Amino acid sequence: MLYDTVKPMAQETMHHKQQNLLRSKSLAAFCLLMMVGACLPTILKAAPENRPYDANLLRLSEILGAVHYLRALCGIDDQQVWRKQMENLLAAEGGTVSRKSKLTKSFNKGYKSFQRTYRVCTPSAKVAIDHFLDEGIEITSKLVTTNN
């Protein structure tokens, strides 16, 4: 009898923990979006074709593509927010068709590489999302601090 009452309580507790974890991941995603949006005007002033922070921008573009695919795959409805952030990056970057093409290719690389790997949301896909959100925040912070 005791098992019958403890098991539902444990499942309910686990459900609350999963909801809290999802909230914290969503908060991390929101922070990344805010940081990307806030740092773009500062770091992306009119500059030459090749810039010292290009490697970071290319990696950030790749991360945006991967997160865009993985979060949708895992049922997190972001309303195309990651693609929109990439569009904002492209708009703020300005520059040439060549620069925009490089950034777009990086976004697509991130998206397609995980599209080939994951057909359904798995625990490792969720870990990858967390990893990319952390890395995106780190890159964005680096871009802000080195370009101010």
N, C-alpha and C. Protein backbone atom coordinates (compact mmCIF):
# COMPACT_ATOMS: atom_id res chain seq x y z
N MET A 1 0.82 -1.19 0.00
CA MET A 1 0.00 0.00 0.00
C MET A 1 0.87 1.26 0.00
N LEU A 2 1.90 1.26 0.84
CA LEU A 2 2.77 2.42 0.94
C LEU A 2 3.41 2.70 -0.42
N TYR A 3 3.81 1.65 -1.14
CA TYR A 3 4.43 1.81 -2.45
C TYR A 3 3.49 2.53 -3.42
N ASP A 4 2.21 2.21 -3.35
CA ASP A 4 1.23 2.82 -4.25
C ASP A 4 1.11 4.33 -4.04
N THR A 5 1.33 4.82 -2.83
CA THR A 5 1.24 6.26 -2.59
C THR A 5 2.57 6.96 -2.80
N VAL A 6 3.68 6.28 -2.54
CA VAL A 6 5.01 6.88 -2.70
C VAL A 6 5.37 7.02 -4.17
N LYS A 7 5.04 6.02 -4.96
CA LYS A 7 5.41 6.06 -6.38
C LYS A 7 4.81 7.27 -7.10
N PRO A 8 3.49 7.53 -6.98
CA PRO A 8 2.97 8.74 -7.63
C PRO A 8 3.60 10.03 -7.11
N MET A 9 3.91 10.07 -5.81
CA MET A 9 4.54 11.26 -5.26
C MET A 9 5.93 11.44 -5.86
N ALA A 10 6.66 10.35 -6.01
CA ALA A 10 8.00 10.42 -6.59
C ALA A 10 7.92 10.86 -8.05
N GLN A 11 6.93 10.36 -8.77
CA GLN A 11 6.76 10.76 -10.17
C GLN A 11 6.41 12.24 -10.26
N GLU A 12 5.56 12.70 -9.36
CA GLU A 12 5.18 14.11 -9.34
C GLU A 12 6.39 14.99 -9.02
N THR A 13 7.21 14.57 -8.07
CA THR A 13 8.43 15.30 -7.72
C THR A 13 9.38 15.34 -8.91
N MET A 14 9.52 14.22 -9.61
CA MET A 14 10.39 14.16 -10.78
C MET A 14 9.86 15.09 -11.86
N HIS A 15 8.55 15.13 -12.03
CA HIS A 15 7.95 16.02 -13.02
C HIS A 15 8.25 17.48 -12.69
N HIS A 16 8.15 17.85 -11.41
CA HIS A 16 8.46 19.23 -11.00
C HIS A 16 9.93 19.55 -11.23
N LYS A 17 10.81 18.59 -10.97
CA LYS A 17 12.24 18.82 -11.21
C LYS A 17 12.51 19.02 -12.69
N GLN A 18 11.84 18.22 -13.54
CA GLN A 18 12.01 18.38 -14.98
C GLN A 18 11.49 19.73 -15.44
N GLN A 19 10.36 20.18 -14.89
CA GLN A 19 9.83 21.49 -15.25
C GLN A 19 10.78 22.60 -14.83
N ASN A 20 11.36 22.49 -13.63
CA ASN A 20 12.32 23.49 -13.17
C ASN A 20 13.55 23.52 -14.05
N LEU A 21 14.02 22.34 -14.46
CA LEU A 21 15.19 22.25 -15.33
C LEU A 21 14.88 22.90 -16.68
N LEU A 22 13.69 22.62 -17.20
CA LEU A 22 13.29 23.22 -18.47
C LEU A 22 13.22 24.74 -18.34
N ARG A 23 12.70 25.23 -17.22
CA ARG A 23 12.64 26.68 -17.01
C ARG A 23 14.04 27.28 -16.98
N SER A 24 14.99 26.61 -16.30
CA SER A 24 16.34 27.16 -16.22
C SER A 24 17.02 27.12 -17.59
N LYS A 25 16.75 26.09 -18.38
CA LYS A 25 17.31 26.02 -19.73
C LYS A 25 16.71 27.12 -20.61
N SER A 26 15.41 27.35 -20.45
CA SER A 26 14.77 28.42 -21.22
C SER A 26 15.33 29.77 -20.81
N LEU A 27 15.62 29.95 -19.53
CA LEU A 27 16.21 31.20 -19.06
C LEU A 27 17.61 31.37 -19.67
N ALA A 28 18.38 30.29 -19.74
CA ALA A 28 19.70 30.37 -20.36
C ALA A 28 19.58 30.74 -21.84
N ALA A 29 18.60 30.16 -22.50
CA ALA A 29 18.37 30.48 -23.91
C ALA A 29 17.99 31.95 -24.06
N PHE A 30 17.13 32.43 -23.19
CA PHE A 30 16.73 33.83 -23.23
C PHE A 30 17.93 34.74 -23.00
N CYS A 31 18.78 34.39 -22.04
CA CYS A 31 19.98 35.19 -21.76
C CYS A 31 20.89 35.25 -22.98
N LEU A 32 21.06 34.11 -23.65
CA LEU A 32 21.89 34.10 -24.85
C LEU A 32 21.30 35.03 -25.91
N LEU A 33 19.99 34.95 -26.11
CA LEU A 33 19.35 35.81 -27.09
C LEU A 33 19.53 37.28 -26.76
N MET A 34 19.36 37.61 -25.49
CA MET A 34 19.51 39.01 -25.08
C MET A 34 20.95 39.48 -25.26
N MET A 35 21.90 38.62 -24.93
CA MET A 35 23.31 38.99 -25.07
C MET A 35 23.67 39.19 -26.54
N VAL A 36 23.19 38.28 -27.40
CA VAL A 36 23.47 38.43 -28.83
C VAL A 36 22.90 39.74 -29.33
N GLY A 37 21.65 40.00 -29.00
CA GLY A 37 21.00 41.24 -29.45
C GLY A 37 21.68 42.49 -28.91
N ALA A 38 22.10 42.44 -27.66
CA ALA A 38 22.72 43.61 -27.04
C ALA A 38 24.11 43.88 -27.57
N CYS A 39 24.85 42.83 -27.90
CA CYS A 39 26.24 43.05 -28.29
C CYS A 39 26.41 43.38 -29.77
N LEU A 40 25.44 43.08 -30.59
CA LEU A 40 25.61 43.29 -32.03
C LEU A 40 25.94 44.71 -32.42
N PRO A 41 25.21 45.71 -31.92
CA PRO A 41 25.55 47.07 -32.35
C PRO A 41 26.97 47.47 -31.94
N THR A 42 27.44 46.96 -30.83
CA THR A 42 28.76 47.31 -30.34
C THR A 42 29.87 46.66 -31.14
N ILE A 43 29.71 45.38 -31.45
CA ILE A 43 30.82 44.66 -32.07
C ILE A 43 30.80 44.72 -33.59
N LEU A 44 29.66 45.11 -34.15
CA LEU A 44 29.54 45.01 -35.59
C LEU A 44 29.47 46.37 -36.27
N LYS A 45 30.37 47.25 -35.91
CA LYS A 45 30.44 48.55 -36.57
C LYS A 45 31.06 48.35 -37.95
N ALA A 46 30.89 49.33 -38.80
CA ALA A 46 31.48 49.23 -40.14
C ALA A 46 32.96 48.93 -40.00
N ALA A 47 33.37 47.85 -40.63
CA ALA A 47 34.75 47.38 -40.49
C ALA A 47 35.17 46.70 -41.79
N PRO A 48 36.44 46.36 -41.89
CA PRO A 48 36.91 45.68 -43.09
C PRO A 48 36.25 44.31 -43.28
N GLU A 49 36.45 43.75 -44.46
CA GLU A 49 35.86 42.44 -44.81
C GLU A 49 36.21 41.36 -43.80
N ASN A 50 37.46 41.26 -43.42
CA ASN A 50 37.89 40.26 -42.44
C ASN A 50 38.16 40.96 -41.12
N ARG A 51 37.49 40.46 -40.10
CA ARG A 51 37.59 41.09 -38.78
C ARG A 51 38.20 40.12 -37.78
N PRO A 52 38.84 40.62 -36.76
CA PRO A 52 39.52 39.74 -35.80
C PRO A 52 38.58 38.78 -35.07
N TYR A 53 37.32 39.11 -35.00
CA TYR A 53 36.36 38.28 -34.27
C TYR A 53 35.53 37.39 -35.19
N ASP A 54 35.91 37.29 -36.45
CA ASP A 54 35.13 36.49 -37.41
C ASP A 54 34.98 35.03 -36.99
N ALA A 55 36.03 34.44 -36.45
CA ALA A 55 35.94 33.03 -36.04
C ALA A 55 34.84 32.85 -34.98
N ASN A 56 34.76 33.81 -34.06
CA ASN A 56 33.70 33.75 -33.04
C ASN A 56 32.31 33.93 -33.65
N LEU A 57 32.19 34.85 -34.60
CA LEU A 57 30.89 35.05 -35.26
C LEU A 57 30.47 33.82 -36.05
N LEU A 58 31.42 33.21 -36.72
CA LEU A 58 31.10 31.99 -37.48
C LEU A 58 30.66 30.86 -36.55
N ARG A 59 31.35 30.72 -35.43
CA ARG A 59 30.97 29.68 -34.47
C ARG A 59 29.60 30.00 -33.86
N LEU A 60 29.36 31.25 -33.54
CA LEU A 60 28.07 31.65 -32.99
C LEU A 60 26.96 31.36 -34.01
N SER A 61 27.21 31.61 -35.27
CA SER A 61 26.23 31.31 -36.31
C SER A 61 25.94 29.81 -36.37
N GLU A 62 26.98 29.02 -36.27
CA GLU A 62 26.81 27.56 -36.27
C GLU A 62 25.99 27.09 -35.06
N ILE A 63 26.26 27.68 -33.92
CA ILE A 63 25.52 27.35 -32.70
C ILE A 63 24.04 27.72 -32.86
N LEU A 64 23.78 28.90 -33.42
CA LEU A 64 22.39 29.31 -33.63
C LEU A 64 21.65 28.31 -34.51
N GLY A 65 22.32 27.81 -35.55
CA GLY A 65 21.70 26.81 -36.42
C GLY A 65 21.43 25.50 -35.70
N ALA A 66 22.39 25.04 -34.92
CA ALA A 66 22.22 23.79 -34.18
C ALA A 66 21.10 23.90 -33.15
N VAL A 67 21.09 25.00 -32.42
CA VAL A 67 20.06 25.20 -31.39
C VAL A 67 18.68 25.35 -32.04
N HIS A 68 18.64 26.02 -33.17
CA HIS A 68 17.36 26.17 -33.89
C HIS A 68 16.78 24.79 -34.22
N TYR A 69 17.61 23.90 -34.72
CA TYR A 69 17.12 22.56 -35.08
C TYR A 69 16.79 21.73 -33.84
N LEU A 70 17.72 21.67 -32.90
CA LEU A 70 17.56 20.77 -31.75
C LEU A 70 16.39 21.16 -30.85
N ARG A 71 16.21 22.44 -30.58
CA ARG A 71 15.11 22.85 -29.70
C ARG A 71 13.76 22.54 -30.35
N ALA A 72 13.64 22.74 -31.65
CA ALA A 72 12.39 22.39 -32.34
C ALA A 72 12.18 20.87 -32.29
N LEU A 73 13.25 20.12 -32.51
CA LEU A 73 13.16 18.66 -32.46
C LEU A 73 12.68 18.17 -31.09
N CYS A 74 13.12 18.85 -30.05
CA CYS A 74 12.78 18.44 -28.69
C CYS A 74 11.47 19.08 -28.20
N GLY A 75 10.72 19.66 -29.11
CA GLY A 75 9.39 20.15 -28.77
C GLY A 75 9.38 21.49 -28.05
N ILE A 76 10.47 22.22 -28.10
CA ILE A 76 10.53 23.53 -27.47
C ILE A 76 10.15 24.55 -28.54
N ASP A 77 8.99 25.12 -28.39
CA ASP A 77 8.46 26.03 -29.41
C ASP A 77 9.03 27.43 -29.20
N ASP A 78 10.06 27.74 -29.95
CA ASP A 78 10.72 29.04 -29.85
C ASP A 78 10.23 30.02 -30.92
N GLN A 79 9.23 29.63 -31.70
CA GLN A 79 8.66 30.53 -32.71
C GLN A 79 9.73 31.09 -33.67
N GLN A 80 10.65 30.26 -34.10
CA GLN A 80 11.69 30.67 -35.06
C GLN A 80 12.65 31.72 -34.49
N VAL A 81 12.73 31.83 -33.17
CA VAL A 81 13.54 32.88 -32.57
C VAL A 81 15.03 32.74 -32.91
N TRP A 82 15.53 31.52 -33.04
CA TRP A 82 16.96 31.33 -33.33
C TRP A 82 17.27 31.73 -34.76
N ARG A 83 16.37 31.43 -35.68
CA ARG A 83 16.55 31.87 -37.06
C ARG A 83 16.47 33.40 -37.13
N LYS A 84 15.56 33.98 -36.37
CA LYS A 84 15.43 35.44 -36.35
C LYS A 84 16.69 36.09 -35.78
N GLN A 85 17.29 35.46 -34.78
CA GLN A 85 18.55 36.00 -34.24
C GLN A 85 19.64 35.95 -35.30
N MET A 86 19.62 34.90 -36.11
CA MET A 86 20.60 34.82 -37.20
C MET A 86 20.33 35.91 -38.21
N GLU A 87 19.08 36.17 -38.51
CA GLU A 87 18.74 37.26 -39.43
C GLU A 87 19.20 38.60 -38.86
N ASN A 88 19.04 38.78 -37.55
CA ASN A 88 19.51 40.02 -36.90
C ASN A 88 21.03 40.13 -37.00
N LEU A 89 21.71 39.02 -36.83
CA LEU A 89 23.17 39.00 -36.95
C LEU A 89 23.57 39.41 -38.36
N LEU A 90 22.90 38.86 -39.35
CA LEU A 90 23.21 39.20 -40.74
C LEU A 90 22.92 40.67 -41.03
N ALA A 91 21.81 41.17 -40.52
CA ALA A 91 21.45 42.57 -40.74
C ALA A 91 22.45 43.51 -40.07
N ALA A 92 22.84 43.19 -38.85
CA ALA A 92 23.78 44.04 -38.12
C ALA A 92 25.18 43.95 -38.70
N GLU A 93 25.51 42.80 -39.23
CA GLU A 93 26.84 42.59 -39.78
C GLU A 93 27.05 43.44 -41.04
N GLY A 94 25.98 43.61 -41.81
CA GLY A 94 26.15 44.39 -43.02
C GLY A 94 27.21 43.77 -43.90
N GLY A 95 28.07 44.59 -44.40
CA GLY A 95 29.19 44.06 -45.17
C GLY A 95 28.78 43.53 -46.53
N THR A 96 29.55 42.63 -46.99
CA THR A 96 29.40 42.13 -48.36
C THR A 96 28.55 40.86 -48.42
N VAL A 97 28.22 40.51 -49.63
CA VAL A 97 27.50 39.26 -49.88
C VAL A 97 28.36 38.09 -49.42
N SER A 98 29.64 38.21 -49.59
CA SER A 98 30.57 37.14 -49.19
C SER A 98 30.52 36.89 -47.68
N ARG A 99 30.51 37.96 -46.89
CA ARG A 99 30.44 37.81 -45.41
C ARG A 99 29.12 37.17 -45.01
N LYS A 100 28.04 37.66 -45.59
CA LYS A 100 26.72 37.10 -45.27
C LYS A 100 26.65 35.63 -45.66
N SER A 101 27.25 35.30 -46.77
CA SER A 101 27.27 33.91 -47.24
C SER A 101 28.02 33.01 -46.26
N LYS A 102 29.16 33.49 -45.76
CA LYS A 102 29.95 32.70 -44.79
C LYS A 102 29.15 32.45 -43.51
N LEU A 103 28.49 33.49 -43.02
CA LEU A 103 27.71 33.35 -41.79
C LEU A 103 26.51 32.42 -42.01
N THR A 104 25.86 32.56 -43.15
CA THR A 104 24.72 31.70 -43.46
C THR A 104 25.17 30.24 -43.59
N LYS A 105 26.29 30.02 -44.22
CA LYS A 105 26.82 28.66 -44.35
C LYS A 105 27.10 28.06 -42.97
N SER A 106 27.60 28.85 -42.05
CA SER A 106 27.86 28.35 -40.70
C SER A 106 26.56 27.98 -39.99
N PHE A 107 25.54 28.82 -40.12
CA PHE A 107 24.23 28.53 -39.54
C PHE A 107 23.69 27.21 -40.11
N ASN A 108 23.75 27.08 -41.43
CA ASN A 108 23.24 25.88 -42.09
C ASN A 108 24.05 24.64 -41.72
N LYS A 109 25.34 24.82 -41.53
CA LYS A 109 26.20 23.70 -41.11
C LYS A 109 25.75 23.18 -39.75
N GLY A 110 25.51 24.09 -38.80
CA GLY A 110 25.03 23.68 -37.49
C GLY A 110 23.69 22.98 -37.56
N TYR A 111 22.79 23.53 -38.34
CA TYR A 111 21.45 22.96 -38.49
C TYR A 111 21.53 21.57 -39.12
N LYS A 112 22.20 21.48 -40.26
CA LYS A 112 22.22 20.23 -41.04
C LYS A 112 23.00 19.12 -40.36
N SER A 113 24.07 19.47 -39.66
CA SER A 113 24.85 18.42 -39.02
C SER A 113 24.04 17.70 -37.94
N PHE A 114 23.20 18.44 -37.23
CA PHE A 114 22.37 17.80 -36.22
C PHE A 114 21.12 17.19 -36.83
N GLN A 115 20.68 17.70 -37.94
CA GLN A 115 19.56 17.10 -38.65
C GLN A 115 19.93 15.70 -39.15
N ARG A 116 21.19 15.54 -39.56
CA ARG A 116 21.66 14.22 -40.00
C ARG A 116 21.82 13.26 -38.82
N THR A 117 22.16 13.80 -37.66
CA THR A 117 22.46 12.98 -36.50
C THR A 117 21.21 12.61 -35.70
N TYR A 118 20.31 13.54 -35.52
CA TYR A 118 19.15 13.34 -34.65
C TYR A 118 17.85 13.42 -35.44
N ARG A 119 17.07 12.34 -35.36
CA ARG A 119 15.74 12.32 -35.98
C ARG A 119 14.65 12.48 -34.92
N VAL A 120 15.00 12.14 -33.68
CA VAL A 120 14.08 12.30 -32.54
C VAL A 120 14.87 12.93 -31.40
N CYS A 121 14.15 13.54 -30.49
CA CYS A 121 14.80 14.14 -29.33
C CYS A 121 15.27 13.03 -28.39
N THR A 122 16.52 13.07 -28.02
CA THR A 122 17.10 12.09 -27.11
C THR A 122 17.76 12.84 -25.95
N PRO A 123 18.12 12.12 -24.90
CA PRO A 123 18.85 12.79 -23.81
C PRO A 123 20.14 13.46 -24.29
N SER A 124 20.83 12.83 -25.24
CA SER A 124 22.07 13.46 -25.73
C SER A 124 21.77 14.71 -26.55
N ALA A 125 20.63 14.77 -27.21
CA ALA A 125 20.24 15.99 -27.93
C ALA A 125 20.00 17.11 -26.94
N LYS A 126 19.38 16.78 -25.81
CA LYS A 126 19.13 17.79 -24.78
C LYS A 126 20.44 18.28 -24.16
N VAL A 127 21.39 17.37 -23.99
CA VAL A 127 22.71 17.76 -23.48
C VAL A 127 23.39 18.68 -24.48
N ALA A 128 23.26 18.36 -25.76
CA ALA A 128 23.86 19.20 -26.80
C ALA A 128 23.27 20.61 -26.77
N ILE A 129 21.96 20.71 -26.57
CA ILE A 129 21.32 22.03 -26.47
C ILE A 129 21.94 22.82 -25.34
N ASP A 130 22.05 22.19 -24.18
CA ASP A 130 22.64 22.87 -23.02
C ASP A 130 24.07 23.31 -23.30
N HIS A 131 24.83 22.43 -23.91
CA HIS A 131 26.23 22.74 -24.24
C HIS A 131 26.29 23.95 -25.18
N PHE A 132 25.45 23.96 -26.21
CA PHE A 132 25.47 25.05 -27.17
C PHE A 132 25.01 26.37 -26.55
N LEU A 133 24.01 26.30 -25.68
CA LEU A 133 23.58 27.54 -25.01
C LEU A 133 24.72 28.11 -24.17
N ASP A 134 25.41 27.25 -23.43
CA ASP A 134 26.54 27.70 -22.62
C ASP A 134 27.65 28.27 -23.50
N GLU A 135 27.97 27.57 -24.57
CA GLU A 135 29.03 28.04 -25.47
C GLU A 135 28.64 29.35 -26.14
N GLY A 136 27.37 29.47 -26.53
CA GLY A 136 26.90 30.71 -27.14
C GLY A 136 27.01 31.89 -26.19
N ILE A 137 26.66 31.68 -24.93
CA ILE A 137 26.80 32.73 -23.93
C ILE A 137 28.27 33.10 -23.75
N GLU A 138 29.13 32.11 -23.72
CA GLU A 138 30.57 32.36 -23.56
C GLU A 138 31.12 33.16 -24.74
N ILE A 139 30.77 32.77 -25.95
CA ILE A 139 31.25 33.48 -27.13
C ILE A 139 30.73 34.92 -27.16
N THR A 140 29.45 35.06 -26.86
CA THR A 140 28.85 36.40 -26.87
C THR A 140 29.50 37.29 -25.82
N SER A 141 29.74 36.74 -24.65
CA SER A 141 30.43 37.51 -23.60
C SER A 141 31.82 37.92 -24.06
N LYS A 142 32.50 37.01 -24.69
CA LYS A 142 33.85 37.30 -25.21
C LYS A 142 33.80 38.40 -26.26
N LEU A 143 32.82 38.34 -27.14
CA LEU A 143 32.68 39.38 -28.17
C LEU A 143 32.42 40.74 -27.55
N VAL A 144 31.57 40.77 -26.54
CA VAL A 144 31.25 42.04 -25.88
C VAL A 144 32.46 42.61 -25.16
N THR A 145 33.17 41.79 -24.39
CA THR A 145 34.29 42.28 -23.59
C THR A 145 35.51 42.65 -24.43
N THR A 146 35.74 41.96 -25.52
CA THR A 146 36.94 42.26 -26.32
C THR A 146 36.69 43.39 -27.31
N ASN A 147 35.43 43.76 -27.51
CA ASN A 147 35.14 44.82 -28.49
C ASN A 147 34.54 46.07 -27.87
N ASN A 148 34.68 46.21 -26.58
CA ASN A 148 34.23 47.44 -25.91
C ASN A 148 35.42 48.26 -25.50
